[in-house]
Amino acid sequence: MSFYQISNGSCKQQVLCVRFILSSLLLAFSFFGFAQNAKRVVSLTPSITENIYLLGAQDKLVGCTSYCTQAVADGKELIGTTIEVNVEKIYALQPDLVLAMELTKSQDVETMKKLGLNIQIIPTPVNFDEICEQTILIGKLIGYEKSAQKVIQQTKEKVNEIRIKSAQLPKKQKVFFQIGANPIFTVLQNTFMDDFILIVNAENIANGLTRGTMTRESVLVKNPDVIIIATMGGFGSEEQKVWQNYNEITAVKNGKVFLIDSETACSPTPLNFAIALAEVYQFVSP
């Protein structure tokens, strides 16, 4: 209930509402004040780890997953994977802040909370704007907000340049963006990877689908102008060879079957998004 909703009520109700608002604001301020003093951070997701490095805050990182490539190379303590975390090891690291996304098991999250750990869950972003917002949030949580603002400004400039160039392309290309094999899995609407297609002024052949699985026959019917395949740890190159046998598809006829690095395209950080977007623009360009 807001203050305005009870403005015609009793004076007592108004006082209680104001107290509630003030206490909520104080809680929020105290939370951010605590978070900005965090000196020991554990990341449970590779994209969060990449964001920490992107902001230059890697010295605060004390634990990461086995898939956090750069952090592993730097000798950061391993705490398992995003899904299978070692709660005891995380607790032993005595972090001020644990950053996770929604793939981490809820029971593990609850256990960490009961142990008194400060864990923050960051939802999977659904578009480029949310990627930027979450990078700003991570910056606030670890005391690197100015660095985050600078990164976002630079990234948005690059993205806007591509957006402007894409609007001048002569034809809207139909794109099939594959991110899984056996079964074939595609990029859906309302996901941050769909923004790659939207920003370059192209059309996702999966528009309207509610599930990400497709058959080869359904892709054939949609007849994409461009096929983009995430590398998927080696499966991507095999898929590329398979699609190149379908000579009736326009993308195959015109030599428009491309690979894109999974670690870049599928990991939602501003830098990764800008790099992958630039590649997608080249793929759809004449």
C-alpha atoms as a PDB file:
ATOM      1  CA  MET A   1       0.000   0.000   0.000  1.00  0.00           C
ATOM      2  CA  SER A   2       1.389   3.414  -0.948  1.00  0.00           C
ATOM      3  CA  PHE A   3       1.154   6.666   1.019  1.00  0.00           C
ATOM      4  CA  TYR A   4      -1.178   8.094  -1.603  1.00  0.00           C
ATOM      5  CA  GLN A   5      -3.581   5.214  -1.304  1.00  0.00           C
ATOM      6  CA  ILE A   6      -4.212   5.989   2.346  1.00  0.00           C
ATOM      7  CA  SER A   7      -3.985   9.779   2.163  1.00  0.00           C
ATOM      8  CA  ASN A   8      -7.694  10.003   2.897  1.00  0.00           C
ATOM      9  CA  GLY A   9      -7.447   7.603   5.838  1.00  0.00           C
ATOM     10  CA  SER A  10      -6.706   8.269   9.467  1.00  0.00           C
ATOM     11  CA  CYS A  11      -3.681  10.200  10.682  1.00  0.00           C
ATOM     12  CA  LYS A  12      -2.461   7.067  12.442  1.00  0.00           C
ATOM     13  CA  GLN A  13      -2.464   5.109   9.172  1.00  0.00           C
ATOM     14  CA  GLN A  14      -0.465   7.847   7.463  1.00  0.00           C
ATOM     15  CA  VAL A  15       2.144   7.902  10.222  1.00  0.00           C
ATOM     16  CA  LEU A  16       2.517   4.113  10.073  1.00  0.00           C
ATOM     17  CA  CYS A  17       2.892   4.225   6.296  1.00  0.00           C
ATOM     18  CA  VAL A  18       5.544   6.943   6.442  1.00  0.00           C
ATOM     19  CA  ARG A  19       7.433   4.963   9.080  1.00  0.00           C
ATOM     20  CA  PHE A  20       7.284   1.880   6.853  1.00  0.00           C
ATOM     21  CA  ILE A  21       8.618   3.814   3.854  1.00  0.00           C
ATOM     22  CA  LEU A  22      11.421   5.369   5.900  1.00  0.00           C
ATOM     23  CA  SER A  23      12.417   2.039   7.416  1.00  0.00           C
ATOM     24  CA  SER A  24      12.456   0.433   3.944  1.00  0.00           C
ATOM     25  CA  LEU A  25      14.696   3.197   2.619  1.00  0.00           C
ATOM     26  CA  LEU A  26      17.028   2.877   5.592  1.00  0.00           C
ATOM     27  CA  LEU A  27      17.209  -0.880   5.022  1.00  0.00           C
ATOM     28  CA  ALA A  28      18.028  -0.344   1.349  1.00  0.00           C
ATOM     29  CA  PHE A  29      20.721   2.217   2.153  1.00  0.00           C
ATOM     30  CA  SER A  30      22.248   0.016   4.838  1.00  0.00           C
ATOM     31  CA  PHE A  31      22.243  -2.947   2.424  1.00  0.00           C
ATOM     32  CA  PHE A  32      24.102  -1.045  -0.262  1.00  0.00           C
ATOM     33  CA  GLY A  33      26.474   0.420   2.303  1.00  0.00           C
ATOM     34  CA  PHE A  34      27.334  -3.065   3.526  1.00  0.00           C
ATOM     35  CA  ALA A  35      27.608  -4.502   0.039  1.00  0.00           C
ATOM     36  CA  GLN A  36      29.968  -1.748  -1.106  1.00  0.00           C
ATOM     37  CA  ASN A  37      32.347  -2.654   1.740  1.00  0.00           C
ATOM     38  CA  ALA A  38      32.500  -6.289   0.599  1.00  0.00           C
ATOM     39  CA  LYS A  39      36.115  -7.363   0.309  1.00  0.00           C
ATOM     40  CA  ARG A  40      35.599 -11.089  -0.255  1.00  0.00           C
ATOM     41  CA  VAL A  41      33.235 -12.080  -3.065  1.00  0.00           C
ATOM     42  CA  VAL A  42      32.236 -15.518  -4.337  1.00  0.00           C
ATOM     43  CA  SER A  43      30.692 -15.824  -7.811  1.00  0.00           C
ATOM     44  CA  LEU A  44      28.518 -18.807  -8.674  1.00  0.00           C
ATOM     45  CA  THR A  45      28.108 -17.962 -12.376  1.00  0.00           C
ATOM     46  CA  PRO A  46      30.697 -17.427 -15.149  1.00  0.00           C
ATOM     47  CA  SER A  47      28.967 -14.287 -16.488  1.00  0.00           C
ATOM     48  CA  ILE A  48      29.037 -12.683 -13.029  1.00  0.00           C
ATOM     49  CA  THR A  49      32.729 -13.545 -12.736  1.00  0.00           C
ATOM     50  CA  GLU A  50      33.355 -12.003 -16.153  1.00  0.00           C
ATOM     51  CA  ASN A  51      31.540  -8.862 -15.056  1.00  0.00           C
ATOM     52  CA  ILE A  52      33.741  -8.640 -11.942  1.00  0.00           C
ATOM     53  CA  TYR A  53      36.835  -8.826 -14.149  1.00  0.00           C
ATOM     54  CA  LEU A  54      35.324  -6.366 -16.606  1.00  0.00           C
ATOM     55  CA  LEU A  55      34.953  -3.842 -13.790  1.00  0.00           C
ATOM     56  CA  GLY A  56      38.528  -4.438 -12.594  1.00  0.00           C
ATOM     57  CA  ALA A  57      37.400  -5.861  -9.250  1.00  0.00           C
ATOM     58  CA  GLN A  58      38.992  -9.312  -9.555  1.00  0.00           C
ATOM     59  CA  ASP A  59      41.085  -8.774  -6.415  1.00  0.00           C
ATOM     60  CA  LYS A  60      37.848  -9.040  -4.424  1.00  0.00           C
ATOM     61  CA  LEU A  61      37.005 -12.425  -5.950  1.00  0.00           C
ATOM     62  CA  VAL A  62      37.917 -15.298  -3.625  1.00  0.00           C
ATOM     63  CA  GLY A  63      35.820 -18.113  -5.115  1.00  0.00           C
ATOM     64  CA  CYS A  64      34.332 -19.097  -8.479  1.00  0.00           C
ATOM     65  CA  THR A  65      32.970 -22.017 -10.486  1.00  0.00           C
ATOM     66  CA  SER A  66      35.099 -24.412 -12.481  1.00  0.00           C
ATOM     67  CA  TYR A  67      33.704 -22.789 -15.669  1.00  0.00           C
ATOM     68  CA  CYS A  68      34.983 -19.312 -14.795  1.00  0.00           C
ATOM     69  CA  THR A  69      37.938 -19.612 -17.185  1.00  0.00           C
ATOM     70  CA  GLN A  70      39.888 -16.467 -16.370  1.00  0.00           C
ATOM     71  CA  ALA A  71      39.409 -16.768 -12.619  1.00  0.00           C
ATOM     72  CA  VAL A  72      40.476 -20.419 -12.653  1.00  0.00           C
ATOM     73  CA  ALA A  73      43.642 -19.425 -14.526  1.00  0.00           C
ATOM     74  CA  ASP A  74      44.273 -16.821 -11.822  1.00  0.00           C
ATOM     75  CA  GLY A  75      44.113 -19.497  -9.128  1.00  0.00           C
ATOM     76  CA  LYS A  76      40.821 -18.481  -7.512  1.00  0.00           C
ATOM     77  CA  GLU A  77      39.311 -21.115  -5.222  1.00  0.00           C
ATOM     78  CA  LEU A  78      36.865 -23.455  -6.963  1.00  0.00           C
ATOM     79  CA  ILE A  79      33.458 -23.982  -5.330  1.00  0.00           C
ATOM     80  CA  GLY A  80      31.928 -26.410  -7.861  1.00  0.00           C
ATOM     81  CA  THR A  81      29.628 -25.411 -10.704  1.00  0.00           C
ATOM     82  CA  THR A  82      26.665 -23.061 -10.972  1.00  0.00           C
ATOM     83  CA  ILE A  83      24.248 -25.927 -10.304  1.00  0.00           C
ATOM     84  CA  GLU A  84      26.375 -28.136  -8.041  1.00  0.00           C
ATOM     85  CA  VAL A  85      27.975 -25.804  -5.506  1.00  0.00           C
ATOM     86  CA  ASN A  86      30.037 -26.837  -2.483  1.00  0.00           C
ATOM     87  CA  VAL A  87      28.311 -24.913   0.299  1.00  0.00           C
ATOM     88  CA  GLU A  88      30.861 -25.972   2.932  1.00  0.00           C
ATOM     89  CA  LYS A  89      33.734 -24.624   0.837  1.00  0.00           C
ATOM     90  CA  ILE A  90      31.882 -21.363   0.197  1.00  0.00           C
ATOM     91  CA  TYR A  91      31.310 -20.951   3.927  1.00  0.00           C
ATOM     92  CA  ALA A  92      34.963 -21.708   4.658  1.00  0.00           C
ATOM     93  CA  LEU A  93      35.995 -18.849   2.364  1.00  0.00           C
ATOM     94  CA  GLN A  94      34.046 -16.465   4.657  1.00  0.00           C
ATOM     95  CA  PRO A  95      32.805 -14.208   1.840  1.00  0.00           C
ATOM     96  CA  ASP A  96      31.164 -10.849   2.520  1.00  0.00           C
ATOM     97  CA  LEU A  97      29.022 -11.394  -0.587  1.00  0.00           C
ATOM     98  CA  VAL A  98      27.928 -14.364  -2.697  1.00  0.00           C
ATOM     99  CA  LEU A  99      26.592 -13.549  -6.171  1.00  0.00           C
ATOM    100  CA  ALA A 100      24.461 -16.139  -7.968  1.00  0.00           C
ATOM    101  CA  MET A 101      21.914 -16.519 -10.741  1.00  0.00           C
ATOM    102  CA  GLU A 102      18.721 -18.543 -10.777  1.00  0.00           C
ATOM    103  CA  LEU A 103      20.328 -21.828 -11.888  1.00  0.00           C
ATOM    104  CA  THR A 104      21.827 -22.369  -8.442  1.00  0.00           C
ATOM    105  CA  LYS A 105      19.638 -24.820  -6.510  1.00  0.00           C
ATOM    106  CA  SER A 106      17.159 -23.130  -4.186  1.00  0.00           C
ATOM    107  CA  GLN A 107      18.018 -25.520  -1.323  1.00  0.00           C
ATOM    108  CA  ASP A 108      21.682 -24.516  -1.563  1.00  0.00           C
ATOM    109  CA  VAL A 109      20.698 -20.849  -1.558  1.00  0.00           C
ATOM    110  CA  GLU A 110      18.565 -21.361   1.543  1.00  0.00           C
ATOM    111  CA  THR A 111      21.364 -23.261   3.280  1.00  0.00           C
ATOM    112  CA  MET A 112      23.774 -20.398   2.625  1.00  0.00           C
ATOM    113  CA  LYS A 113      21.261 -17.916   4.013  1.00  0.00           C
ATOM    114  CA  LYS A 114      20.825 -20.016   7.160  1.00  0.00           C
ATOM    115  CA  LEU A 115      24.589 -20.019   7.569  1.00  0.00           C
ATOM    116  CA  GLY A 116      24.441 -16.243   7.623  1.00  0.00           C
ATOM    117  CA  LEU A 117      26.000 -15.677   4.208  1.00  0.00           C
ATOM    118  CA  ASN A 118      24.963 -12.570   2.281  1.00  0.00           C
ATOM    119  CA  ILE A 119      23.791 -14.079  -1.028  1.00  0.00           C
ATOM    120  CA  GLN A 120      22.258 -12.036  -3.834  1.00  0.00           C
ATOM    121  CA  ILE A 121      20.371 -13.729  -6.692  1.00  0.00           C
ATOM    122  CA  ILE A 122      20.575 -11.947 -10.049  1.00  0.00           C
ATOM    123  CA  PRO A 123      17.893 -13.026 -12.570  1.00  0.00           C
ATOM    124  CA  THR A 124      18.886 -14.089 -16.078  1.00  0.00           C
ATOM    125  CA  PRO A 125      18.613 -10.933 -18.219  1.00  0.00           C
ATOM    126  CA  VAL A 126      16.033 -11.002 -21.007  1.00  0.00           C
ATOM    127  CA  ASN A 127      17.509  -8.217 -23.160  1.00  0.00           C
ATOM    128  CA  PHE A 128      20.510  -5.946 -23.629  1.00  0.00           C
ATOM    129  CA  ASP A 129      19.082  -3.260 -21.357  1.00  0.00           C
ATOM    130  CA  GLU A 130      18.811  -5.750 -18.499  1.00  0.00           C
ATOM    131  CA  ILE A 131      22.402  -6.859 -19.056  1.00  0.00           C
ATOM    132  CA  CYS A 132      23.434  -3.241 -18.585  1.00  0.00           C
ATOM    133  CA  GLU A 133      21.237  -2.807 -15.501  1.00  0.00           C
ATOM    134  CA  GLN A 134      22.662  -5.932 -13.899  1.00  0.00           C
ATOM    135  CA  THR A 135      26.234  -4.826 -14.534  1.00  0.00           C
ATOM    136  CA  ILE A 136      25.423  -1.557 -12.780  1.00  0.00           C
ATOM    137  CA  LEU A 137      23.901  -3.557  -9.906  1.00  0.00           C
ATOM    138  CA  ILE A 138      27.004  -5.736  -9.585  1.00  0.00           C
ATOM    139  CA  GLY A 139      29.097  -2.577  -9.614  1.00  0.00           C
ATOM    140  CA  LYS A 140      27.038  -1.154  -6.745  1.00  0.00           C
ATOM    141  CA  LEU A 141      27.224  -4.389  -4.771  1.00  0.00           C
ATOM    142  CA  ILE A 142      31.023  -4.523  -4.892  1.00  0.00           C
ATOM    143  CA  GLY A 143      31.751  -0.788  -4.748  1.00  0.00           C
ATOM    144  CA  TYR A 144      32.654  -0.361  -8.435  1.00  0.00           C
ATOM    145  CA  GLU A 145      29.636   1.594  -9.677  1.00  0.00           C
ATOM    146  CA  LYS A 146      31.721   4.260 -11.483  1.00  0.00           C
ATOM    147  CA  SER A 147      33.584   1.575 -13.405  1.00  0.00           C
ATOM    148  CA  ALA A 148      30.265  -0.062 -14.303  1.00  0.00           C
ATOM    149  CA  GLN A 149      28.814   3.231 -15.539  1.00  0.00           C
ATOM    150  CA  LYS A 150      31.841   3.783 -17.763  1.00  0.00           C
ATOM    151  CA  VAL A 151      31.652   0.265 -19.201  1.00  0.00           C
ATOM    152  CA  ILE A 152      27.936   0.636 -19.942  1.00  0.00           C
ATOM    153  CA  GLN A 153      28.380   3.995 -21.619  1.00  0.00           C
ATOM    154  CA  GLN A 154      31.079   2.649 -23.918  1.00  0.00           C
ATOM    155  CA  THR A 155      29.089  -0.484 -24.714  1.00  0.00           C
ATOM    156  CA  LYS A 156      25.878   1.388 -25.489  1.00  0.00           C
ATOM    157  CA  GLU A 157      27.767   3.610 -27.919  1.00  0.00           C
ATOM    158  CA  LYS A 158      29.047   0.538 -29.791  1.00  0.00           C
ATOM    159  CA  VAL A 159      25.610  -1.098 -29.816  1.00  0.00           C
ATOM    160  CA  ASN A 160      23.936   2.079 -31.062  1.00  0.00           C
ATOM    161  CA  GLU A 161      26.480   2.373 -33.896  1.00  0.00           C
ATOM    162  CA  ILE A 162      25.547  -1.132 -35.058  1.00  0.00           C
ATOM    163  CA  ARG A 163      21.835  -0.370 -34.634  1.00  0.00           C
ATOM    164  CA  ILE A 164      22.142   2.657 -36.927  1.00  0.00           C
ATOM    165  CA  LYS A 165      24.139   0.770 -39.564  1.00  0.00           C
ATOM    166  CA  SER A 166      21.694  -2.140 -39.434  1.00  0.00           C
ATOM    167  CA  ALA A 167      18.743   0.123 -40.171  1.00  0.00           C
ATOM    168  CA  GLN A 168      20.377   0.884 -43.520  1.00  0.00           C
ATOM    169  CA  LEU A 169      20.722  -2.736 -44.631  1.00  0.00           C
ATOM    170  CA  PRO A 170      18.852  -3.337 -47.896  1.00  0.00           C
ATOM    171  CA  LYS A 171      16.846  -6.367 -46.769  1.00  0.00           C
ATOM    172  CA  LYS A 172      15.569  -7.781 -43.476  1.00  0.00           C
ATOM    173  CA  GLN A 173      17.262 -11.173 -43.140  1.00  0.00           C
ATOM    174  CA  LYS A 174      15.562 -14.250 -41.693  1.00  0.00           C
ATOM    175  CA  VAL A 175      17.868 -15.764 -39.066  1.00  0.00           C
ATOM    176  CA  PHE A 176      18.056 -19.197 -37.469  1.00  0.00           C
ATOM    177  CA  PHE A 177      20.228 -19.005 -34.348  1.00  0.00           C
ATOM    178  CA  GLN A 178      21.045 -22.488 -33.019  1.00  0.00           C
ATOM    179  CA  ILE A 179      22.310 -22.913 -29.452  1.00  0.00           C
ATOM    180  CA  GLY A 180      21.852 -26.647 -28.897  1.00  0.00           C
ATOM    181  CA  ALA A 181      21.984 -29.998 -30.671  1.00  0.00           C
ATOM    182  CA  ASN A 182      20.268 -33.358 -30.077  1.00  0.00           C
ATOM    183  CA  PRO A 183      17.648 -31.947 -29.922  1.00  0.00           C
ATOM    184  CA  ILE A 184      18.129 -28.809 -31.987  1.00  0.00           C
ATOM    185  CA  PHE A 185      17.594 -25.806 -29.745  1.00  0.00           C
ATOM    186  CA  THR A 186      17.086 -22.249 -30.930  1.00  0.00           C
ATOM    187  CA  VAL A 187      17.107 -18.708 -29.568  1.00  0.00           C
ATOM    188  CA  LEU A 188      13.598 -17.648 -28.567  1.00  0.00           C
ATOM    189  CA  GLN A 189      11.893 -14.269 -28.328  1.00  0.00           C
ATOM    190  CA  ASN A 190      12.192 -12.360 -25.047  1.00  0.00           C
ATOM    191  CA  THR A 191      15.730 -13.571 -24.399  1.00  0.00           C
ATOM    192  CA  PHE A 192      18.861 -11.472 -24.464  1.00  0.00           C
ATOM    193  CA  MET A 193      20.184 -13.465 -27.430  1.00  0.00           C
ATOM    194  CA  ASP A 194      17.118 -12.532 -29.458  1.00  0.00           C
ATOM    195  CA  ASP A 195      18.323  -8.937 -29.114  1.00  0.00           C
ATOM    196  CA  PHE A 196      21.270  -9.819 -31.374  1.00  0.00           C
ATOM    197  CA  ILE A 197      18.741 -10.448 -34.127  1.00  0.00           C
ATOM    198  CA  LEU A 198      16.456  -7.509 -33.336  1.00  0.00           C
ATOM    199  CA  ILE A 199      19.227  -4.913 -33.125  1.00  0.00           C
ATOM    200  CA  VAL A 200      20.660  -5.856 -36.533  1.00  0.00           C
ATOM    201  CA  ASN A 201      17.163  -5.372 -37.986  1.00  0.00           C
ATOM    202  CA  ALA A 202      16.673  -9.050 -38.809  1.00  0.00           C
ATOM    203  CA  GLU A 203      13.864 -11.542 -38.135  1.00  0.00           C
ATOM    204  CA  ASN A 204      14.112 -14.582 -35.867  1.00  0.00           C
ATOM    205  CA  ILE A 205      12.530 -17.601 -37.600  1.00  0.00           C
ATOM    206  CA  ALA A 206      11.586 -18.870 -34.125  1.00  0.00           C
ATOM    207  CA  ASN A 207       9.248 -15.922 -33.486  1.00  0.00           C
ATOM    208  CA  GLY A 208       6.007 -17.187 -31.978  1.00  0.00           C
ATOM    209  CA  LEU A 209       7.468 -20.385 -30.568  1.00  0.00           C
ATOM    210  CA  THR A 210       7.064 -21.043 -26.858  1.00  0.00           C
ATOM    211  CA  ARG A 211       9.564 -23.911 -26.742  1.00  0.00           C
ATOM    212  CA  GLY A 212      13.123 -23.751 -28.017  1.00  0.00           C
ATOM    213  CA  THR A 213      13.246 -27.139 -29.759  1.00  0.00           C
ATOM    214  CA  MET A 214      12.960 -27.322 -33.548  1.00  0.00           C
ATOM    215  CA  THR A 215      13.260 -30.074 -36.132  1.00  0.00           C
ATOM    216  CA  ARG A 216      15.437 -29.788 -39.221  1.00  0.00           C
ATOM    217  CA  GLU A 217      12.291 -30.028 -41.301  1.00  0.00           C
ATOM    218  CA  SER A 218      10.742 -26.997 -39.572  1.00  0.00           C
ATOM    219  CA  VAL A 219      13.921 -24.976 -40.181  1.00  0.00           C
ATOM    220  CA  LEU A 220      13.782 -26.081 -43.807  1.00  0.00           C
ATOM    221  CA  VAL A 221      10.203 -24.782 -44.109  1.00  0.00           C
ATOM    222  CA  LYS A 222      11.189 -21.427 -42.567  1.00  0.00           C
ATOM    223  CA  ASN A 223      14.073 -21.219 -45.084  1.00  0.00           C
ATOM    224  CA  PRO A 224      16.409 -18.837 -43.213  1.00  0.00           C
ATOM    225  CA  ASP A 225      18.707 -16.415 -45.051  1.00  0.00           C
ATOM    226  CA  VAL A 226      21.341 -16.797 -42.342  1.00  0.00           C
ATOM    227  CA  ILE A 227      22.166 -19.671 -39.991  1.00  0.00           C
ATOM    228  CA  ILE A 228      24.224 -18.908 -36.884  1.00  0.00           C
ATOM    229  CA  ILE A 229      25.422 -21.799 -34.721  1.00  0.00           C
ATOM    230  CA  ALA A 230      26.935 -21.483 -31.248  1.00  0.00           C
ATOM    231  CA  THR A 231      30.104 -23.549 -30.958  1.00  0.00           C
ATOM    232  CA  MET A 232      28.738 -25.617 -28.035  1.00  0.00           C
ATOM    233  CA  GLY A 233      32.064 -27.186 -27.130  1.00  0.00           C
ATOM    234  CA  GLY A 234      32.704 -28.655 -30.567  1.00  0.00           C
ATOM    235  CA  PHE A 235      29.154 -29.695 -31.457  1.00  0.00           C
ATOM    236  CA  GLY A 236      28.713 -26.466 -33.397  1.00  0.00           C
ATOM    237  CA  SER A 237      31.220 -27.349 -36.100  1.00  0.00           C
ATOM    238  CA  GLU A 238      29.511 -30.730 -36.564  1.00  0.00           C
ATOM    239  CA  GLU A 239      26.144 -28.996 -36.910  1.00  0.00           C
ATOM    240  CA  GLN A 240      27.609 -26.602 -39.451  1.00  0.00           C
ATOM    241  CA  LYS A 241      28.680 -29.543 -41.608  1.00  0.00           C
ATOM    242  CA  VAL A 242      25.212 -31.094 -41.351  1.00  0.00           C
ATOM    243  CA  TRP A 243      23.410 -27.898 -42.366  1.00  0.00           C
ATOM    244  CA  GLN A 244      25.714 -27.394 -45.342  1.00  0.00           C
ATOM    245  CA  ASN A 245      24.226 -30.558 -46.866  1.00  0.00           C
ATOM    246  CA  TYR A 246      20.802 -28.852 -47.120  1.00  0.00           C
ATOM    247  CA  ASN A 247      21.375 -27.081 -50.423  1.00  0.00           C
ATOM    248  CA  GLU A 248      17.742 -26.003 -50.725  1.00  0.00           C
ATOM    249  CA  ILE A 249      18.088 -23.567 -47.795  1.00  0.00           C
ATOM    250  CA  THR A 250      18.856 -20.002 -48.885  1.00  0.00           C
ATOM    251  CA  ALA A 251      21.512 -19.605 -46.177  1.00  0.00           C
ATOM    252  CA  VAL A 252      23.363 -22.647 -47.509  1.00  0.00           C
ATOM    253  CA  LYS A 253      23.067 -21.542 -51.145  1.00  0.00           C
ATOM    254  CA  ASN A 254      24.592 -18.164 -50.293  1.00  0.00           C
ATOM    255  CA  GLY A 255      27.310 -19.441 -47.959  1.00  0.00           C
ATOM    256  CA  LYS A 256      25.660 -17.881 -44.918  1.00  0.00           C
ATOM    257  CA  VAL A 257      26.132 -20.651 -42.322  1.00  0.00           C
ATOM    258  CA  PHE A 258      28.307 -19.292 -39.508  1.00  0.00           C
ATOM    259  CA  LEU A 259      29.773 -20.321 -36.170  1.00  0.00           C
ATOM    260  CA  ILE A 260      29.804 -17.994 -33.153  1.00  0.00           C
ATOM    261  CA  ASP A 261      31.696 -18.540 -29.923  1.00  0.00           C
ATOM    262  CA  SER A 262      29.392 -19.827 -27.169  1.00  0.00           C
ATOM    263  CA  GLU A 263      31.391 -18.285 -24.346  1.00  0.00           C
ATOM    264  CA  THR A 264      30.880 -14.864 -25.915  1.00  0.00           C
ATOM    265  CA  ALA A 265      27.362 -15.068 -27.346  1.00  0.00           C
ATOM    266  CA  CYS A 266      25.756 -17.002 -24.492  1.00  0.00           C
ATOM    267  CA  SER A 267      27.367 -15.190 -21.546  1.00  0.00           C
ATOM    268  CA  PRO A 268      25.442 -12.004 -20.692  1.00  0.00           C
ATOM    269  CA  THR A 269      27.994  -9.268 -20.028  1.00  0.00           C
ATOM    270  CA  PRO A 270      28.117  -5.912 -21.838  1.00  0.00           C
ATOM    271  CA  LEU A 271      31.470  -6.671 -23.482  1.00  0.00           C
ATOM    272  CA  ASN A 272      30.403 -10.133 -24.661  1.00  0.00           C
ATOM    273  CA  PHE A 273      27.151  -8.725 -26.023  1.00  0.00           C
ATOM    274  CA  ALA A 274      28.926  -6.013 -28.020  1.00  0.00           C
ATOM    275  CA  ILE A 275      31.467  -8.480 -29.468  1.00  0.00           C
ATOM    276  CA  ALA A 276      28.802 -11.030 -30.459  1.00  0.00           C
ATOM    277  CA  LEU A 277      26.517  -8.325 -31.868  1.00  0.00           C
ATOM    278  CA  ALA A 278      29.307  -7.071 -34.135  1.00  0.00           C
ATOM    279  CA  GLU A 279      29.726 -10.622 -35.474  1.00  0.00           C
ATOM    280  CA  VAL A 280      25.985 -11.060 -36.055  1.00  0.00           C
ATOM    281  CA  TYR A 281      25.940  -7.759 -37.960  1.00  0.00           C
ATOM    282  CA  GLN A 282      28.686  -9.070 -40.246  1.00  0.00           C
ATOM    283  CA  PHE A 283      26.771 -12.313 -40.753  1.00  0.00           C
ATOM    284  CA  VAL A 284      23.576 -10.574 -41.922  1.00  0.00           C
ATOM    285  CA  SER A 285      25.355  -7.934 -44.030  1.00  0.00           C
ATOM    286  CA  PRO A 286      25.514  -8.457 -47.812  1.00  0.00           C
END
